PDB file of N, CA and C in Angstrom:
ATOM      1  N   MET A   1      18.056  -9.363 -17.340  1.00  0.00           N
ATOM      2  CA  MET A   1      18.339 -10.187 -16.189  1.00  0.00           C
ATOM      3  C   MET A   1      17.846  -9.520 -14.902  1.00  0.00           C
ATOM      4  N   ILE A   2      18.187  -8.266 -14.727  1.00  0.00           N
ATOM      5  CA  ILE A   2      17.760  -7.562 -13.520  1.00  0.00           C
ATOM      6  C   ILE A   2      16.255  -7.300 -13.566  1.00  0.00           C
ATOM      7  N   GLY A   3      15.715  -7.057 -14.765  1.00  0.00           N
ATOM      8  CA  GLY A   3      14.276  -6.823 -14.891  1.00  0.00           C
ATOM      9  C   GLY A   3      13.471  -8.008 -14.403  1.00  0.00           C
ATOM     10  N   GLY A   4      13.947  -9.210 -14.693  1.00  0.00           N
ATOM     11  CA  GLY A   4      13.248 -10.411 -14.224  1.00  0.00           C
ATOM     12  C   GLY A   4      13.260 -10.524 -12.711  1.00  0.00           C
ATOM     13  N   ALA A   5      14.383 -10.180 -12.106  1.00  0.00           N
ATOM     14  CA  ALA A   5      14.472 -10.219 -10.640  1.00  0.00           C
ATOM     15  C   ALA A   5      13.537  -9.189 -10.013  1.00  0.00           C
ATOM     16  N   LEU A   6      13.403  -8.031 -10.653  1.00  0.00           N
ATOM     17  CA  LEU A   6      12.490  -7.008 -10.139  1.00  0.00           C
ATOM     18  C   LEU A   6      11.038  -7.459 -10.242  1.00  0.00           C
ATOM     19  N   VAL A   7      10.707  -8.152 -11.314  1.00  0.00           N
ATOM     20  CA  VAL A   7       9.345  -8.664 -11.467  1.00  0.00           C
ATOM     21  C   VAL A   7       9.059  -9.732 -10.414  1.00  0.00           C
ATOM     22  N   VAL A   8      10.037 -10.592 -10.131  1.00  0.00           N
ATOM     23  CA  VAL A   8       9.868 -11.611  -9.087  1.00  0.00           C
ATOM     24  C   VAL A   8       9.691 -10.938  -7.724  1.00  0.00           C
ATOM     25  N   GLY A   9      10.468  -9.910  -7.462  1.00  0.00           N
ATOM     26  CA  GLY A   9      10.319  -9.168  -6.213  1.00  0.00           C
ATOM     27  C   GLY A   9       8.955  -8.503  -6.109  1.00  0.00           C
ATOM     28  N   ALA A  10       8.482  -7.942  -7.218  1.00  0.00           N
ATOM     29  CA  ALA A  10       7.156  -7.328  -7.219  1.00  0.00           C
ATOM     30  C   ALA A  10       6.078  -8.371  -6.953  1.00  0.00           C
ATOM     31  N   ALA A  11       6.238  -9.560  -7.521  1.00  0.00           N
ATOM     32  CA  ALA A  11       5.265 -10.640  -7.279  1.00  0.00           C
ATOM     33  C   ALA A  11       5.265 -11.052  -5.810  1.00  0.00           C
ATOM     34  N   ALA A  12       6.431 -11.064  -5.188  1.00  0.00           N
ATOM     35  CA  ALA A  12       6.505 -11.390  -3.765  1.00  0.00           C
ATOM     36  C   ALA A  12       5.793 -10.325  -2.933  1.00  0.00           C
ATOM     37  N   PHE A  13       5.960  -9.071  -3.295  1.00  0.00           N
ATOM     38  CA  PHE A  13       5.265  -8.006  -2.576  1.00  0.00           C
ATOM     39  C   PHE A  13       3.753  -8.100  -2.765  1.00  0.00           C
ATOM     40  N   VAL A  14       3.314  -8.499  -3.945  1.00  0.00           N
ATOM     41  CA  VAL A  14       1.877  -8.673  -4.179  1.00  0.00           C
ATOM     42  C   VAL A  14       1.330  -9.774  -3.280  1.00  0.00           C
ATOM     43  N   ALA A  15       2.078 -10.858  -3.132  1.00  0.00           N
ATOM     44  CA  ALA A  15       1.650 -11.944  -2.246  1.00  0.00           C
ATOM     45  C   ALA A  15       1.542 -11.454  -0.805  1.00  0.00           C
ATOM     46  N   LEU A  16       2.492 -10.636  -0.376  1.00  0.00           N
ATOM     47  CA  LEU A  16       2.430 -10.077   0.975  1.00  0.00           C
ATOM     48  C   LEU A  16       1.237  -9.131   1.138  1.00  0.00           C
ATOM     49  N   ALA A  17       0.937  -8.371   0.100  1.00  0.00           N
ATOM     50  CA  ALA A  17      -0.203  -7.455   0.170  1.00  0.00           C
ATOM     51  C   ALA A  17      -1.508  -8.237   0.282  1.00  0.00           C
ATOM     52  N   LEU A  18      -1.600  -9.360  -0.404  1.00  0.00           N
ATOM     53  CA  LEU A  18      -2.802 -10.186  -0.294  1.00  0.00           C
ATOM     54  C   LEU A  18      -2.952 -10.740   1.121  1.00  0.00           C
ATOM     55  N   ALA A  19      -1.835 -11.088   1.741  1.00  0.00           N
ATOM     56  CA  ALA A  19      -1.888 -11.552   3.130  1.00  0.00           C
ATOM     57  C   ALA A  19      -2.344 -10.427   4.056  1.00  0.00           C
ATOM     58  N   MET A  20      -1.915  -9.206   3.778  1.00  0.00           N
ATOM     59  CA  MET A  20      -2.342  -8.077   4.597  1.00  0.00           C
ATOM     60  C   MET A  20      -3.826  -7.795   4.428  1.00  0.00           C
ATOM     61  N   LEU A  21      -4.355  -8.046   3.247  1.00  0.00           N
ATOM     62  CA  LEU A  21      -5.785  -7.841   3.044  1.00  0.00           C
ATOM     63  C   LEU A  21      -6.599  -8.849   3.848  1.00  0.00           C
ATOM     64  N   GLY A  22      -6.002  -9.985   4.168  1.00  0.00           N
ATOM     65  CA  GLY A  22      -6.652 -10.916   5.087  1.00  0.00           C
ATOM     66  C   GLY A  22      -6.806 -10.297   6.463  1.00  0.00           C
ATOM     67  N   ARG A  23      -5.836  -9.511   6.880  1.00  0.00           N
ATOM     68  CA  ARG A  23      -5.921  -8.811   8.170  1.00  0.00           C
ATOM     69  C   ARG A  23      -7.003  -7.737   8.118  1.00  0.00           C
ATOM     70  N   VAL A  24      -7.222  -7.150   6.946  1.00  0.00           N
ATOM     71  CA  VAL A  24      -8.284  -6.151   6.817  1.00  0.00           C
ATOM     72  C   VAL A  24      -9.634  -6.812   7.078  1.00  0.00           C
ATOM     73  N   ALA A  25      -9.816  -8.009   6.566  1.00  0.00           N
ATOM     74  CA  ALA A  25     -11.092  -8.701   6.736  1.00  0.00           C
ATOM     75  C   ALA A  25     -11.267  -9.245   8.155  1.00  0.00           C
ATOM     76  N   ALA A  26     -10.184  -9.690   8.783  1.00  0.00           N
ATOM     77  CA  ALA A  26     -10.296 -10.364  10.073  1.00  0.00           C
ATOM     78  C   ALA A  26      -9.722  -9.571  11.238  1.00  0.00           C
ATOM     79  N   GLY A  27      -9.363  -8.325  11.001  1.00  0.00           N
ATOM     80  CA  GLY A  27      -8.744  -7.546  12.074  1.00  0.00           C
ATOM     81  C   GLY A  27      -9.669  -7.403  13.270  1.00  0.00           C
ATOM     82  N   PRO A  28      -9.154  -7.607  14.468  1.00  0.00           N
ATOM     83  CA  PRO A  28     -10.051  -7.513  15.628  1.00  0.00           C
ATOM     84  C   PRO A  28     -10.491  -6.085  15.937  1.00  0.00           C
ATOM     85  N   THR A  29      -9.685  -5.102  15.564  1.00  0.00           N
ATOM     86  CA  THR A  29     -10.068  -3.714  15.846  1.00  0.00           C
ATOM     87  C   THR A  29     -10.005  -2.893  14.567  1.00  0.00           C
ATOM     88  N   VAL A  30     -10.626  -1.732  14.625  1.00  0.00           N
ATOM     89  CA  VAL A  30     -10.618  -0.827  13.481  1.00  0.00           C
ATOM     90  C   VAL A  30      -9.198  -0.349  13.199  1.00  0.00           C
ATOM     91  N   GLN A  31      -8.416  -0.137  14.247  1.00  0.00           N
ATOM     92  CA  GLN A  31      -7.043   0.329  14.061  1.00  0.00           C
ATOM     93  C   GLN A  31      -6.210  -0.698  13.293  1.00  0.00           C
ATOM     94  N   ASP A  32      -6.408  -1.988  13.577  1.00  0.00           N
ATOM     95  CA  ASP A  32      -5.702  -3.029  12.836  1.00  0.00           C
ATOM     96  C   ASP A  32      -6.061  -2.974  11.362  1.00  0.00           C
ATOM     97  N   ARG A  33      -7.320  -2.752  11.087  1.00  0.00           N
ATOM     98  CA  ARG A  33      -7.765  -2.694   9.690  1.00  0.00           C
ATOM     99  C   ARG A  33      -7.186  -1.479   8.970  1.00  0.00           C
ATOM    100  N   VAL A  34      -7.164  -0.332   9.655  1.00  0.00           N
ATOM    101  CA  VAL A  34      -6.614   0.880   9.039  1.00  0.00           C
ATOM    102  C   VAL A  34      -5.126   0.698   8.746  1.00  0.00           C
ATOM    103  N   LEU A  35      -4.392   0.136   9.691  1.00  0.00           N
ATOM    104  CA  LEU A  35      -2.960  -0.087   9.469  1.00  0.00           C
ATOM    105  C   LEU A  35      -2.713  -1.084   8.338  1.00  0.00           C
ATOM    106  N   ALA A  36      -3.550  -2.111   8.244  1.00  0.00           N
ATOM    107  CA  ALA A  36      -3.381  -3.091   7.170  1.00  0.00           C
ATOM    108  C   ALA A  36      -3.670  -2.474   5.804  1.00  0.00           C
ATOM    109  N   VAL A  37      -4.683  -1.624   5.722  1.00  0.00           N
ATOM    110  CA  VAL A  37      -4.978  -0.944   4.455  1.00  0.00           C
ATOM    111  C   VAL A  37      -3.836   0.000   4.086  1.00  0.00           C
ATOM    112  N   ASN A  38      -3.300   0.711   5.070  1.00  0.00           N
ATOM    113  CA  ASN A  38      -2.179   1.615   4.827  1.00  0.00           C
ATOM    114  C   ASN A  38      -0.945   0.835   4.365  1.00  0.00           C
ATOM    115  N   ALA A  39      -0.666  -0.285   4.999  1.00  0.00           N
ATOM    116  CA  ALA A  39       0.480  -1.101   4.598  1.00  0.00           C
ATOM    117  C   ALA A  39       0.289  -1.675   3.199  1.00  0.00           C
ATOM    118  N   ALA A  40      -0.920  -2.100   2.879  1.00  0.00           N
ATOM    119  CA  ALA A  40      -1.186  -2.617   1.529  1.00  0.00           C
ATOM    120  C   ALA A  40      -1.013  -1.509   0.490  1.00  0.00           C
ATOM    121  N   GLY A  41      -1.418  -0.290   0.827  1.00  0.00           N
ATOM    122  CA  GLY A  41      -1.206   0.838  -0.089  1.00  0.00           C
ATOM    123  C   GLY A  41       0.266   1.142  -0.286  1.00  0.00           C
ATOM    124  N   THR A  42       1.044   1.041   0.783  1.00  0.00           N
ATOM    125  CA  THR A  42       2.483   1.264   0.680  1.00  0.00           C
ATOM    126  C   THR A  42       3.137   0.188  -0.184  1.00  0.00           C
ATOM    127  N   VAL A  43       2.702  -1.037  -0.008  1.00  0.00           N
ATOM    128  CA  VAL A  43       3.234  -2.124  -0.839  1.00  0.00           C
ATOM    129  C   VAL A  43       2.866  -1.893  -2.305  1.00  0.00           C
ATOM    130  N   THR A  44       1.681  -1.361  -2.556  1.00  0.00           N
ATOM    131  CA  THR A  44       1.277  -1.059  -3.928  1.00  0.00           C
ATOM    132  C   THR A  44       2.209  -0.031  -4.554  1.00  0.00           C
ATOM    133  N   VAL A  45       2.582   0.975  -3.782  1.00  0.00           N
ATOM    134  CA  VAL A  45       3.519   1.987  -4.281  1.00  0.00           C
ATOM    135  C   VAL A  45       4.864   1.339  -4.617  1.00  0.00           C
ATOM    136  N   VAL A  46       5.336   0.439  -3.763  1.00  0.00           N
ATOM    137  CA  VAL A  46       6.609  -0.245  -4.013  1.00  0.00           C
ATOM    138  C   VAL A  46       6.519  -1.108  -5.266  1.00  0.00           C
ATOM    139  N   VAL A  47       5.403  -1.802  -5.459  1.00  0.00           N
ATOM    140  CA  VAL A  47       5.234  -2.650  -6.639  1.00  0.00           C
ATOM    141  C   VAL A  47       5.231  -1.802  -7.908  1.00  0.00           C
ATOM    142  N   ILE A  48       4.560  -0.664  -7.882  1.00  0.00           N
ATOM    143  CA  ILE A  48       4.549   0.217  -9.057  1.00  0.00           C
ATOM    144  C   ILE A  48       5.959   0.736  -9.342  1.00  0.00           C
ATOM    145  N   ALA A  49       6.703   1.083  -8.294  1.00  0.00           N
ATOM    146  CA  ALA A  49       8.079   1.554  -8.488  1.00  0.00           C
ATOM    147  C   ALA A  49       8.971   0.439  -9.042  1.00  0.00           C
ATOM    148  N   LEU A  50       8.791  -0.784  -8.563  1.00  0.00           N
ATOM    149  CA  LEU A  50       9.560  -1.907  -9.110  1.00  0.00           C
ATOM    150  C   LEU A  50       9.199  -2.162 -10.567  1.00  0.00           C
ATOM    151  N   ALA A  51       7.928  -2.021 -10.900  1.00  0.00           N
ATOM    152  CA  ALA A  51       7.517  -2.185 -12.298  1.00  0.00           C
ATOM    153  C   ALA A  51       8.133  -1.095 -13.164  1.00  0.00           C
ATOM    154  N   ALA A  52       8.236   0.122 -12.624  1.00  0.00           N
ATOM    155  CA  ALA A  52       8.863   1.212 -13.377  1.00  0.00           C
ATOM    156  C   ALA A  52      10.317   0.887 -13.682  1.00  0.00           C
ATOM    157  N   ALA A  53      11.012   0.320 -12.702  1.00  0.00           N
ATOM    158  CA  ALA A  53      12.417  -0.031 -12.929  1.00  0.00           C
ATOM    159  C   ALA A  53      12.551  -1.239 -13.842  1.00  0.00           C
ATOM    160  N   ALA A  54      11.669  -2.225 -13.688  1.00  0.00           N
ATOM    161  CA  ALA A  54      11.778  -3.451 -14.469  1.00  0.00           C
ATOM    162  C   ALA A  54      11.487  -3.211 -15.943  1.00  0.00           C
ATOM    163  N   PHE A  55      10.486  -2.378 -16.226  1.00  0.00           N
ATOM    164  CA  PHE A  55      10.075  -2.154 -17.610  1.00  0.00           C
ATOM    165  C   PHE A  55      10.630  -0.859 -18.196  1.00  0.00           C
ATOM    166  N   ASP A  56      11.482  -0.179 -17.417  1.00  0.00           N
ATOM    167  CA  ASP A  56      12.118   1.064 -17.861  1.00  0.00           C
ATOM    168  C   ASP A  56      11.080   2.092 -18.326  1.00  0.00           C
ATOM    169  N   GLU A  57      10.061   2.281 -17.495  1.00  0.00           N
ATOM    170  CA  GLU A  57       8.993   3.243 -17.765  1.00  0.00           C
ATOM    171  C   GLU A  57       8.996   4.309 -16.677  1.00  0.00           C
ATOM    172  N   PRO A  58       9.627   5.453 -16.912  1.00  0.00           N
ATOM    173  CA  PRO A  58       9.695   6.480 -15.868  1.00  0.00           C
ATOM    174  C   PRO A  58       8.334   7.085 -15.522  1.00  0.00           C
ATOM    175  N   GLY A  59       7.357   6.943 -16.399  1.00  0.00           N
ATOM    176  CA  GLY A  59       6.023   7.470 -16.109  1.00  0.00           C
ATOM    177  C   GLY A  59       5.351   6.748 -14.951  1.00  0.00           C
ATOM    178  N   PHE A  60       5.731   5.490 -14.717  1.00  0.00           N
ATOM    179  CA  PHE A  60       5.164   4.737 -13.608  1.00  0.00           C
ATOM    180  C   PHE A  60       5.547   5.350 -12.260  1.00  0.00           C
ATOM    181  N   VAL A  61       6.682   6.000 -12.199  1.00  0.00           N
ATOM    182  CA  VAL A  61       7.113   6.621 -10.939  1.00  0.00           C
ATOM    183  C   VAL A  61       6.160   7.747 -10.562  1.00  0.00           C
ATOM    184  N   ASP A  62       5.682   8.489 -11.554  1.00  0.00           N
ATOM    185  CA  ASP A  62       4.698   9.540 -11.285  1.00  0.00           C
ATOM    186  C   ASP A  62       3.408   8.943 -10.725  1.00  0.00           C
ATOM    187  N   VAL A  63       3.000   7.819 -11.287  1.00  0.00           N
ATOM    188  CA  VAL A  63       1.801   7.140 -10.796  1.00  0.00           C
ATOM    189  C   VAL A  63       2.024   6.672  -9.356  1.00  0.00           C
ATOM    190  N   ALA A  64       3.204   6.134  -9.068  1.00  0.00           N
ATOM    191  CA  ALA A  64       3.510   5.671  -7.718  1.00  0.00           C
ATOM    192  C   ALA A  64       3.486   6.830  -6.726  1.00  0.00           C
ATOM    193  N   LEU A  65       4.023   7.971  -7.102  1.00  0.00           N
ATOM    194  CA  LEU A  65       4.009   9.135  -6.211  1.00  0.00           C
ATOM    195  C   LEU A  65       2.592   9.637  -5.966  1.00  0.00           C
ATOM    196  N   ALA A  66       1.769   9.657  -7.013  1.00  0.00           N
ATOM    197  CA  ALA A  66       0.379  10.080  -6.841  1.00  0.00           C
ATOM    198  C   ALA A  66      -0.367   9.107  -5.938  1.00  0.00           C
ATOM    199  N   TYR A  67      -0.115   7.812  -6.120  1.00  0.00           N
ATOM    200  CA  TYR A  67      -0.776   6.813  -5.284  1.00  0.00           C
ATOM    201  C   TYR A  67      -0.304   6.925  -3.835  1.00  0.00           C
ATOM    202  N   ALA A  68       0.969   7.228  -3.625  1.00  0.00           N
ATOM    203  CA  ALA A  68       1.482   7.408  -2.266  1.00  0.00           C
ATOM    204  C   ALA A  68       0.800   8.601  -1.594  1.00  0.00           C
ATOM    205  N   LEU A  69       0.596   9.675  -2.327  1.00  0.00           N
ATOM    206  CA  LEU A  69      -0.086  10.840  -1.778  1.00  0.00           C
ATOM    207  C   LEU A  69      -1.521  10.499  -1.409  1.00  0.00           C
ATOM    208  N   LEU A  70      -2.220   9.762  -2.273  1.00  0.00           N
ATOM    209  CA  LEU A  70      -3.588   9.360  -1.967  1.00  0.00           C
ATOM    210  C   LEU A  70      -3.636   8.437  -0.747  1.00  0.00           C
ATOM    211  N   ASN A  71      -2.673   7.545  -0.632  1.00  0.00           N
ATOM    212  CA  ASN A  71      -2.605   6.639   0.508  1.00  0.00           C
ATOM    213  C   ASN A  71      -2.411   7.440   1.806  1.00  0.00           C
ATOM    214  N   PHE A  72      -1.546   8.435   1.761  1.00  0.00           N
ATOM    215  CA  PHE A  72      -1.313   9.283   2.929  1.00  0.00           C
ATOM    216  C   PHE A  72      -2.576  10.055   3.307  1.00  0.00           C
ATOM    217  N   LEU A  73      -3.233  10.631   2.321  1.00  0.00           N
ATOM    218  CA  LEU A  73      -4.444  11.393   2.608  1.00  0.00           C
ATOM    219  C   LEU A  73      -5.554  10.508   3.150  1.00  0.00           C
ATOM    220  N   LEU A  74      -5.650   9.282   2.654  1.00  0.00           N
ATOM    221  CA  LEU A  74      -6.633   8.345   3.182  1.00  0.00           C
ATOM    222  C   LEU A  74      -6.358   8.031   4.646  1.00  0.00           C
ATOM    223  N   SER A  75      -5.097   7.831   4.981  1.00  0.00           N
ATOM    224  CA  SER A  75      -4.748   7.539   6.373  1.00  0.00           C
ATOM    225  C   SER A  75      -5.085   8.707   7.294  1.00  0.00           C
ATOM    226  N   ILE A  76      -4.777   9.908   6.863  1.00  0.00           N
ATOM    227  CA  ILE A  76      -5.097  11.092   7.661  1.00  0.00           C
ATOM    228  C   ILE A  76      -6.602  11.251   7.798  1.00  0.00           C
ATOM    229  N   GLY A  77      -7.333  11.040   6.718  1.00  0.00           N
ATOM    230  CA  GLY A  77      -8.788  11.158   6.762  1.00  0.00           C
ATOM    231  C   GLY A  77      -9.421  10.130   7.682  1.00  0.00           C
ATOM    232  N   LEU A  78      -8.961   8.892   7.608  1.00  0.00           N
ATOM    233  CA  LEU A  78      -9.504   7.864   8.493  1.00  0.00           C
ATOM    234  C   LEU A  78      -9.185   8.162   9.953  1.00  0.00           C
ATOM    235  N   ALA A  79      -7.990   8.638  10.221  1.00  0.00           N
ATOM    236  CA  ALA A  79      -7.634   8.987  11.601  1.00  0.00           C
ATOM    237  C   ALA A  79      -8.519  10.109  12.113  1.00  0.00           C
ATOM    238  N   LYS A  80      -8.789  11.100  11.263  1.00  0.00           N
ATOM    239  CA  LYS A  80      -9.634  12.210  11.680  1.00  0.00           C
ATOM    240  C   LYS A  80     -11.063  11.740  11.956  1.00  0.00           C
ATOM    241  N   VAL A  81     -11.566  10.853  11.127  1.00  0.00           N
ATOM    242  CA  VAL A  81     -12.914  10.333  11.329  1.00  0.00           C
ATOM    243  C   VAL A  81     -12.994   9.526  12.617  1.00  0.00           C
ATOM    244  N   LEU A  82     -11.990   8.687  12.848  1.00  0.00           N
ATOM    245  CA  LEU A  82     -12.004   7.852  14.053  1.00  0.00           C
ATOM    246  C   LEU A  82     -11.870   8.681  15.326  1.00  0.00           C
ATOM    247  N   VAL A  83     -11.051   9.705  15.304  1.00  0.00           N
ATOM    248  CA  VAL A  83     -10.900  10.562  16.480  1.00  0.00           C
ATOM    249  C   VAL A  83     -12.177  11.379  16.698  1.00  0.00           C
ATOM    250  N   GLY A  84     -12.765  11.862  15.634  1.00  0.00           N
ATOM    251  CA  GLY A  84     -14.016  12.633  15.746  1.00  0.00           C
ATOM    252  C   GLY A  84     -15.162  11.777  16.247  1.00  0.00           C
ATOM    253  N   ARG A  85     -15.095  10.497  15.979  1.00  0.00           N
ATOM    254  CA  ARG A  85     -16.125   9.559  16.414  1.00  0.00           C
ATOM    255  C   ARG A  85     -15.916   9.096  17.851  1.00  0.00           C
ATOM    256  N   GLY A  86     -14.810   9.497  18.415  1.00  0.00           N
ATOM    257  CA  GLY A  86     -14.504   9.098  19.787  1.00  0.00           C
ATOM    258  C   GLY A  86     -13.683   7.828  19.858  1.00  0.00           C
ATOM    259  N   GLY A  87     -13.057   7.470  18.754  1.00  0.00           N
ATOM    260  CA  GLY A  87     -12.226   6.266  18.726  1.00  0.00           C
ATOM    261  C   GLY A  87     -10.924   6.471  19.485  1.00  0.00           C
ATOM    262  N   PRO A  88     -10.277   5.388  19.860  1.00  0.00           N
ATOM    263  CA  PRO A  88      -9.044   5.484  20.669  1.00  0.00           C
ATOM    264  C   PRO A  88      -7.796   5.714  19.845  1.00  0.00           C
ATOM    265  N   LEU A  89      -7.791   6.657  18.938  1.00  0.00           N
ATOM    266  CA  LEU A  89      -6.580   6.935  18.170  1.00  0.00           C
ATOM    267  C   LEU A  89      -5.775   8.015  18.798  1.00  0.00           C
TER     268      LEU A  89
END
């Protein structure tokens, strides 16, 4: 019963992530696009964690943590590139 609710919640987060990817394509500034990619990555981590709870697979939590670390490093790398390029970050 609870597993089904977690899957429905994960599906709702996926729908929100798809909406955020629309902002990546149409963002007026580079900063908007970077924030949208970061938010979509965070939602991906939440979806993986919900899947871990729904399907009772503790190994998925390790994948979610690794993906969160990669998402963080991507954000730091993009910020460094934008600042080095003279961007307004």
